[in-house]
Amino acid sequence: MRWKDIQAEFVDEPKVAVQEADALVAELMQRLASMFATERAELEDRWAGGDQISTEELRQGLRLYRSFFERLLAA
C-alpha cells in the first residue's frame, strides 16, 4: 500500500514523504470527485423523464447520496 510506503519513507526522506502524501491525497480526492460525478450523472439520467419519478426512485436516489456522503465522511 502506498500510504505505508510513504510513512516508512518519512524516516529517511521526510520532505519527500510529505510531498508524496500530498500527491496521494490529491489523487484520492480526484477519484472521489469522479465517482460522485458518475453517480450524479446516472441519477440525473434516470430522472430525465420529468414529473414521472416515483417515490421509490427518489428513495433509491437518496440512498445513493447517503452512501456517497458516508464514504466521504469515512475518508
PDB file of N, CA and C in Angstrom:
ATOM      1  N   MET A   1       0.848  -1.188   0.000  1.00  0.00           N
ATOM      2  CA  MET A   1       0.000   0.000   0.000  1.00  0.00           C
ATOM      3  C   MET A   1       0.885   1.240   0.000  1.00  0.00           C
ATOM      4  N   ARG A   2       0.495   2.206  -0.769  1.00  0.00           N
ATOM      5  CA  ARG A   2       1.308   3.411  -0.908  1.00  0.00           C
ATOM      6  C   ARG A   2       1.433   4.182   0.399  1.00  0.00           C
ATOM      7  N   TRP A   3       0.364   4.230   1.191  1.00  0.00           N
ATOM      8  CA  TRP A   3       0.418   5.004   2.424  1.00  0.00           C
ATOM      9  C   TRP A   3       1.473   4.445   3.377  1.00  0.00           C
ATOM     10  N   LYS A   4       1.552   3.140   3.497  1.00  0.00           N
ATOM     11  CA  LYS A   4       2.560   2.529   4.375  1.00  0.00           C
ATOM     12  C   LYS A   4       3.967   2.833   3.871  1.00  0.00           C
ATOM     13  N   ASP A   5       4.147   2.808   2.562  1.00  0.00           N
ATOM     14  CA  ASP A   5       5.451   3.139   1.987  1.00  0.00           C
ATOM     15  C   ASP A   5       5.829   4.589   2.289  1.00  0.00           C
ATOM     16  N   ILE A   6       4.859   5.475   2.188  1.00  0.00           N
ATOM     17  CA  ILE A   6       5.106   6.890   2.479  1.00  0.00           C
ATOM     18  C   ILE A   6       5.515   7.071   3.938  1.00  0.00           C
ATOM     19  N   GLN A   7       4.798   6.410   4.822  1.00  0.00           N
ATOM     20  CA  GLN A   7       5.133   6.520   6.240  1.00  0.00           C
ATOM     21  C   GLN A   7       6.538   5.986   6.520  1.00  0.00           C
ATOM     22  N   ALA A   8       6.887   4.878   5.909  1.00  0.00           N
ATOM     23  CA  ALA A   8       8.215   4.297   6.113  1.00  0.00           C
ATOM     24  C   ALA A   8       9.304   5.208   5.556  1.00  0.00           C
ATOM     25  N   GLU A   9       9.008   5.879   4.461  1.00  0.00           N
ATOM     26  CA  GLU A   9       9.988   6.758   3.827  1.00  0.00           C
ATOM     27  C   GLU A   9      10.271   8.005   4.671  1.00  0.00           C
ATOM     28  N   PHE A  10       9.350   8.365   5.536  1.00  0.00           N
ATOM     29  CA  PHE A  10       9.496   9.582   6.333  1.00  0.00           C
ATOM     30  C   PHE A  10      10.785   9.581   7.156  1.00  0.00           C
ATOM     31  N   VAL A  11      11.182   8.428   7.637  1.00  0.00           N
ATOM     32  CA  VAL A  11      12.383   8.332   8.479  1.00  0.00           C
ATOM     33  C   VAL A  11      13.620   8.836   7.726  1.00  0.00           C
ATOM     34  N   ASP A  12      13.770   8.417   6.474  1.00  0.00           N
ATOM     35  CA  ASP A  12      14.960   8.785   5.699  1.00  0.00           C
ATOM     36  C   ASP A  12      14.768  10.045   4.860  1.00  0.00           C
ATOM     37  N   GLU A  13      13.569  10.259   4.381  1.00  0.00           N
ATOM     38  CA  GLU A  13      13.291  11.386   3.482  1.00  0.00           C
ATOM     39  C   GLU A  13      11.985  12.074   3.878  1.00  0.00           C
ATOM     40  N   PRO A  14      11.969  12.830   4.976  1.00  0.00           N
ATOM     41  CA  PRO A  14      10.711  13.411   5.444  1.00  0.00           C
ATOM     42  C   PRO A  14      10.055  14.360   4.438  1.00  0.00           C
ATOM     43  N   LYS A  15      10.838  15.187   3.772  1.00  0.00           N
ATOM     44  CA  LYS A  15      10.257  16.125   2.805  1.00  0.00           C
ATOM     45  C   LYS A  15       9.614  15.382   1.639  1.00  0.00           C
ATOM     46  N   VAL A  16      10.302  14.388   1.132  1.00  0.00           N
ATOM     47  CA  VAL A  16       9.776  13.580   0.025  1.00  0.00           C
ATOM     48  C   VAL A  16       8.503  12.856   0.466  1.00  0.00           C
ATOM     49  N   ALA A  17       8.509  12.337   1.678  1.00  0.00           N
ATOM     50  CA  ALA A  17       7.333  11.621   2.186  1.00  0.00           C
ATOM     51  C   ALA A  17       6.116  12.540   2.243  1.00  0.00           C
ATOM     52  N   VAL A  18       6.318  13.776   2.701  1.00  0.00           N
ATOM     53  CA  VAL A  18       5.198  14.721   2.777  1.00  0.00           C
ATOM     54  C   VAL A  18       4.718  15.086   1.375  1.00  0.00           C
ATOM     55  N   GLN A  19       5.634  15.263   0.440  1.00  0.00           N
ATOM     56  CA  GLN A  19       5.243  15.556  -0.944  1.00  0.00           C
ATOM     57  C   GLN A  19       4.448  14.397  -1.542  1.00  0.00           C
ATOM     58  N   GLU A  20       4.882  13.182  -1.275  1.00  0.00           N
ATOM     59  CA  GLU A  20       4.164  12.012  -1.783  1.00  0.00           C
ATOM     60  C   GLU A  20       2.804  11.853  -1.106  1.00  0.00           C
ATOM     61  N   ALA A  21       2.722  12.177   0.168  1.00  0.00           N
ATOM     62  CA  ALA A  21       1.432  12.128   0.865  1.00  0.00           C
ATOM     63  C   ALA A  21       0.470  13.135   0.248  1.00  0.00           C
ATOM     64  N   ASP A  22       0.971  14.327  -0.056  1.00  0.00           N
ATOM     65  CA  ASP A  22       0.142  15.347  -0.697  1.00  0.00           C
ATOM     66  C   ASP A  22      -0.374  14.853  -2.042  1.00  0.00           C
ATOM     67  N   ALA A  23       0.501  14.252  -2.831  1.00  0.00           N
ATOM     68  CA  ALA A  23       0.097  13.740  -4.145  1.00  0.00           C
ATOM     69  C   ALA A  23      -0.931  12.622  -4.013  1.00  0.00           C
ATOM     70  N   LEU A  24      -0.748  11.754  -3.034  1.00  0.00           N
ATOM     71  CA  LEU A  24      -1.689  10.652  -2.828  1.00  0.00           C
ATOM     72  C   LEU A  24      -3.067  11.174  -2.432  1.00  0.00           C
ATOM     73  N   VAL A  25      -3.103  12.126  -1.517  1.00  0.00           N
ATOM     74  CA  VAL A  25      -4.386  12.690  -1.090  1.00  0.00           C
ATOM     75  C   VAL A  25      -5.067  13.401  -2.258  1.00  0.00           C
ATOM     76  N   ALA A  26      -4.308  14.144  -3.047  1.00  0.00           N
ATOM     77  CA  ALA A  26      -4.886  14.820  -4.212  1.00  0.00           C
ATOM     78  C   ALA A  26      -5.469  13.808  -5.196  1.00  0.00           C
ATOM     79  N   GLU A  27      -4.762  12.701  -5.407  1.00  0.00           N
ATOM     80  CA  GLU A  27      -5.251  11.649  -6.304  1.00  0.00           C
ATOM     81  C   GLU A  27      -6.556  11.045  -5.787  1.00  0.00           C
ATOM     82  N   LEU A  28      -6.608  10.778  -4.490  1.00  0.00           N
ATOM     83  CA  LEU A  28      -7.825  10.207  -3.909  1.00  0.00           C
ATOM     84  C   LEU A  28      -8.994  11.175  -4.008  1.00  0.00           C
ATOM     85  N   MET A  29      -8.727  12.461  -3.811  1.00  0.00           N
ATOM     86  CA  MET A  29      -9.793  13.456  -3.932  1.00  0.00           C
ATOM     87  C   MET A  29     -10.327  13.504  -5.359  1.00  0.00           C
ATOM     88  N   GLN A  30      -9.439  13.387  -6.343  1.00  0.00           N
ATOM     89  CA  GLN A  30      -9.867  13.365  -7.740  1.00  0.00           C
ATOM     90  C   GLN A  30     -10.737  12.140  -8.025  1.00  0.00           C
ATOM     91  N   ARG A  31     -10.338  10.996  -7.484  1.00  0.00           N
ATOM     92  CA  ARG A  31     -11.134   9.773  -7.680  1.00  0.00           C
ATOM     93  C   ARG A  31     -12.525   9.921  -7.070  1.00  0.00           C
ATOM     94  N   LEU A  32     -12.590  10.474  -5.855  1.00  0.00           N
ATOM     95  CA  LEU A  32     -13.888  10.670  -5.207  1.00  0.00           C
ATOM     96  C   LEU A  32     -14.760  11.622  -6.013  1.00  0.00           C
ATOM     97  N   ALA A  33     -14.165  12.696  -6.518  1.00  0.00           N
ATOM     98  CA  ALA A  33     -14.925  13.653  -7.324  1.00  0.00           C
ATOM     99  C   ALA A  33     -15.440  12.992  -8.598  1.00  0.00           C
ATOM    100  N   SER A  34     -14.618  12.164  -9.208  1.00  0.00           N
ATOM    101  CA  SER A  34     -15.029  11.455 -10.418  1.00  0.00           C
ATOM    102  C   SER A  34     -16.161  10.473 -10.131  1.00  0.00           C
ATOM    103  N   MET A  35     -16.041   9.748  -9.018  1.00  0.00           N
ATOM    104  CA  MET A  35     -17.099   8.804  -8.635  1.00  0.00           C
ATOM    105  C   MET A  35     -18.412   9.546  -8.398  1.00  0.00           C
ATOM    106  N   PHE A  36     -18.340  10.683  -7.716  1.00  0.00           N
ATOM    107  CA  PHE A  36     -19.542  11.456  -7.451  1.00  0.00           C
ATOM    108  C   PHE A  36     -20.164  11.941  -8.752  1.00  0.00           C
ATOM    109  N   ALA A  37     -19.347  12.443  -9.662  1.00  0.00           N
ATOM    110  CA  ALA A  37     -19.864  12.936 -10.936  1.00  0.00           C
ATOM    111  C   ALA A  37     -20.557  11.823 -11.712  1.00  0.00           C
ATOM    112  N   THR A  38     -19.983  10.630 -11.699  1.00  0.00           N
ATOM    113  CA  THR A  38     -20.582   9.490 -12.395  1.00  0.00           C
ATOM    114  C   THR A  38     -21.915   9.110 -11.769  1.00  0.00           C
ATOM    115  N   GLU A  39     -21.939   8.994 -10.445  1.00  0.00           N
ATOM    116  CA  GLU A  39     -23.182   8.628  -9.759  1.00  0.00           C
ATOM    117  C   GLU A  39     -24.255   9.693  -9.970  1.00  0.00           C
ATOM    118  N   ARG A  40     -23.856  10.944  -9.922  1.00  0.00           N
ATOM    119  CA  ARG A  40     -24.815  12.031 -10.111  1.00  0.00           C
ATOM    120  C   ARG A  40     -25.384  12.008 -11.531  1.00  0.00           C
ATOM    121  N   ALA A  41     -24.534  11.788 -12.520  1.00  0.00           N
ATOM    122  CA  ALA A  41     -24.995  11.725 -13.908  1.00  0.00           C
ATOM    123  C   ALA A  41     -25.977  10.577 -14.104  1.00  0.00           C
ATOM    124  N   GLU A  42     -25.701   9.440 -13.477  1.00  0.00           N
ATOM    125  CA  GLU A  42     -26.619   8.302 -13.585  1.00  0.00           C
ATOM    126  C   GLU A  42     -27.975   8.635 -12.974  1.00  0.00           C
ATOM    127  N   LEU A  43     -27.962   9.293 -11.828  1.00  0.00           N
ATOM    128  CA  LEU A  43     -29.225   9.693 -11.202  1.00  0.00           C
ATOM    129  C   LEU A  43     -29.979  10.683 -12.076  1.00  0.00           C
ATOM    130  N   GLU A  44     -29.270  11.662 -12.607  1.00  0.00           N
ATOM    131  CA  GLU A  44     -29.919  12.664 -13.451  1.00  0.00           C
ATOM    132  C   GLU A  44     -30.509  12.032 -14.703  1.00  0.00           C
ATOM    133  N   ASP A  45     -29.821  11.048 -15.274  1.00  0.00           N
ATOM    134  CA  ASP A  45     -30.343  10.350 -16.450  1.00  0.00           C
ATOM    135  C   ASP A  45     -31.646   9.627 -16.120  1.00  0.00           C
ATOM    136  N   ARG A  46     -31.682   9.003 -14.946  1.00  0.00           N
ATOM    137  CA  ARG A  46     -32.896   8.288 -14.543  1.00  0.00           C
ATOM    138  C   ARG A  46     -34.053   9.251 -14.316  1.00  0.00           C
ATOM    139  N   TRP A  47     -33.742  10.461 -13.915  1.00  0.00           N
ATOM    140  CA  TRP A  47     -34.800  11.421 -13.588  1.00  0.00           C
ATOM    141  C   TRP A  47     -35.167  12.320 -14.765  1.00  0.00           C
ATOM    142  N   ALA A  48     -34.545  12.105 -15.906  1.00  0.00           N
ATOM    143  CA  ALA A  48     -34.764  12.970 -17.060  1.00  0.00           C
ATOM    144  C   ALA A  48     -36.206  12.924 -17.559  1.00  0.00           C
ATOM    145  N   GLY A  49     -36.988  11.979 -17.075  1.00  0.00           N
ATOM    146  CA  GLY A  49     -38.370  11.847 -17.504  1.00  0.00           C
ATOM    147  C   GLY A  49     -39.299  12.915 -16.959  1.00  0.00           C
ATOM    148  N   GLY A  50     -38.814  13.813 -16.165  1.00  0.00           N
ATOM    149  CA  GLY A  50     -39.646  14.892 -15.642  1.00  0.00           C
ATOM    150  C   GLY A  50     -40.396  14.501 -14.399  1.00  0.00           C
ATOM    151  N   ASP A  51     -41.690  14.754 -14.398  1.00  0.00           N
ATOM    152  CA  ASP A  51     -42.512  14.534 -13.215  1.00  0.00           C
ATOM    153  C   ASP A  51     -42.899  13.076 -12.998  1.00  0.00           C
ATOM    154  N   GLN A  52     -42.463  12.189 -13.859  1.00  0.00           N
ATOM    155  CA  GLN A  52     -42.853  10.785 -13.763  1.00  0.00           C
ATOM    156  C   GLN A  52     -41.924   9.979 -12.852  1.00  0.00           C
ATOM    157  N   ILE A  53     -41.307  10.630 -11.905  1.00  0.00           N
ATOM    158  CA  ILE A  53     -40.381   9.964 -10.991  1.00  0.00           C
ATOM    159  C   ILE A  53     -41.171   9.406  -9.818  1.00  0.00           C
ATOM    160  N   SER A  54     -41.013   8.121  -9.585  1.00  0.00           N
ATOM    161  CA  SER A  54     -41.744   7.501  -8.483  1.00  0.00           C
ATOM    162  C   SER A  54     -41.057   7.790  -7.150  1.00  0.00           C
ATOM    163  N   THR A  55     -41.820   7.644  -6.096  1.00  0.00           N
ATOM    164  CA  THR A  55     -41.260   7.804  -4.755  1.00  0.00           C
ATOM    165  C   THR A  55     -40.154   6.786  -4.522  1.00  0.00           C
ATOM    166  N   GLU A  56     -40.306   5.591  -5.060  1.00  0.00           N
ATOM    167  CA  GLU A  56     -39.275   4.561  -4.911  1.00  0.00           C
ATOM    168  C   GLU A  56     -37.974   4.991  -5.587  1.00  0.00           C
ATOM    169  N   GLU A  57     -38.062   5.569  -6.779  1.00  0.00           N
ATOM    170  CA  GLU A  57     -36.858   6.047  -7.460  1.00  0.00           C
ATOM    171  C   GLU A  57     -36.186   7.161  -6.665  1.00  0.00           C
ATOM    172  N   LEU A  58     -36.985   8.035  -6.093  1.00  0.00           N
ATOM    173  CA  LEU A  58     -36.431   9.104  -5.261  1.00  0.00           C
ATOM    174  C   LEU A  58     -35.772   8.534  -4.009  1.00  0.00           C
ATOM    175  N   ARG A  59     -36.389   7.517  -3.429  1.00  0.00           N
ATOM    176  CA  ARG A  59     -35.813   6.875  -2.247  1.00  0.00           C
ATOM    177  C   ARG A  59     -34.459   6.256  -2.589  1.00  0.00           C
ATOM    178  N   GLN A  60     -34.390   5.584  -3.737  1.00  0.00           N
ATOM    179  CA  GLN A  60     -33.129   4.983  -4.165  1.00  0.00           C
ATOM    180  C   GLN A  60     -32.074   6.057  -4.418  1.00  0.00           C
ATOM    181  N   GLY A  61     -32.489   7.163  -4.996  1.00  0.00           N
ATOM    182  CA  GLY A  61     -31.564   8.271  -5.224  1.00  0.00           C
ATOM    183  C   GLY A  61     -31.016   8.820  -3.922  1.00  0.00           C
ATOM    184  N   LEU A  62     -31.889   8.990  -2.953  1.00  0.00           N
ATOM    185  CA  LEU A  62     -31.449   9.486  -1.652  1.00  0.00           C
ATOM    186  C   LEU A  62     -30.495   8.497  -0.986  1.00  0.00           C
ATOM    187  N   ARG A  63     -30.763   7.203  -1.145  1.00  0.00           N
ATOM    188  CA  ARG A  63     -29.862   6.183  -0.588  1.00  0.00           C
ATOM    189  C   ARG A  63     -28.471   6.278  -1.216  1.00  0.00           C
ATOM    190  N   LEU A  64     -28.417   6.515  -2.531  1.00  0.00           N
ATOM    191  CA  LEU A  64     -27.120   6.652  -3.192  1.00  0.00           C
ATOM    192  C   LEU A  64     -26.364   7.869  -2.672  1.00  0.00           C
ATOM    193  N   TYR A  65     -27.072   8.980  -2.499  1.00  0.00           N
ATOM    194  CA  TYR A  65     -26.422  10.177  -1.954  1.00  0.00           C
ATOM    195  C   TYR A  65     -25.947   9.928  -0.524  1.00  0.00           C
ATOM    196  N   ARG A  66     -26.752   9.249   0.273  1.00  0.00           N
ATOM    197  CA  ARG A  66     -26.350   8.943   1.645  1.00  0.00           C
ATOM    198  C   ARG A  66     -25.099   8.072   1.650  1.00  0.00           C
ATOM    199  N   SER A  67     -25.065   7.077   0.775  1.00  0.00           N
ATOM    200  CA  SER A  67     -23.906   6.195   0.685  1.00  0.00           C
ATOM    201  C   SER A  67     -22.651   6.988   0.323  1.00  0.00           C
ATOM    202  N   PHE A  68     -22.772   7.867  -0.657  1.00  0.00           N
ATOM    203  CA  PHE A  68     -21.621   8.674  -1.049  1.00  0.00           C
ATOM    204  C   PHE A  68     -21.200   9.602   0.085  1.00  0.00           C
ATOM    205  N   PHE A  69     -22.157  10.213   0.754  1.00  0.00           N
ATOM    206  CA  PHE A  69     -21.882  11.101   1.885  1.00  0.00           C
ATOM    207  C   PHE A  69     -21.124  10.357   2.980  1.00  0.00           C
ATOM    208  N   GLU A  70     -21.572   9.149   3.293  1.00  0.00           N
ATOM    209  CA  GLU A  70     -20.911   8.350   4.329  1.00  0.00           C
ATOM    210  C   GLU A  70     -19.489   7.972   3.923  1.00  0.00           C
ATOM    211  N   ARG A  71     -19.280   7.695   2.636  1.00  0.00           N
ATOM    212  CA  ARG A  71     -17.928   7.389   2.168  1.00  0.00           C
ATOM    213  C   ARG A  71     -17.015   8.600   2.304  1.00  0.00           C
ATOM    214  N   LEU A  72     -17.552   9.785   2.025  1.00  0.00           N
ATOM    215  CA  LEU A  72     -16.753  10.998   2.192  1.00  0.00           C
ATOM    216  C   LEU A  72     -16.363  11.204   3.648  1.00  0.00           C
ATOM    217  N   LEU A  73     -17.301  10.992   4.542  1.00  0.00           N
ATOM    218  CA  LEU A  73     -17.013  11.173   5.962  1.00  0.00           C
ATOM    219  C   LEU A  73     -16.020  10.140   6.477  1.00  0.00           C
ATOM    220  N   ALA A  74     -16.069   8.942   5.923  1.00  0.00           N
ATOM    221  CA  ALA A  74     -15.177   7.873   6.373  1.00  0.00           C
ATOM    222  C   ALA A  74     -13.746   8.071   5.874  1.00  0.00           C
ATOM    223  N   ALA A  75     -13.603   8.851   4.817  1.00  0.00           N
ATOM    224  CA  ALA A  75     -12.266   9.038   4.221  1.00  0.00           C
ATOM    225  C   ALA A  75     -11.361   9.869   5.094  1.00  0.00           C
TER     226      ALA A  75
END
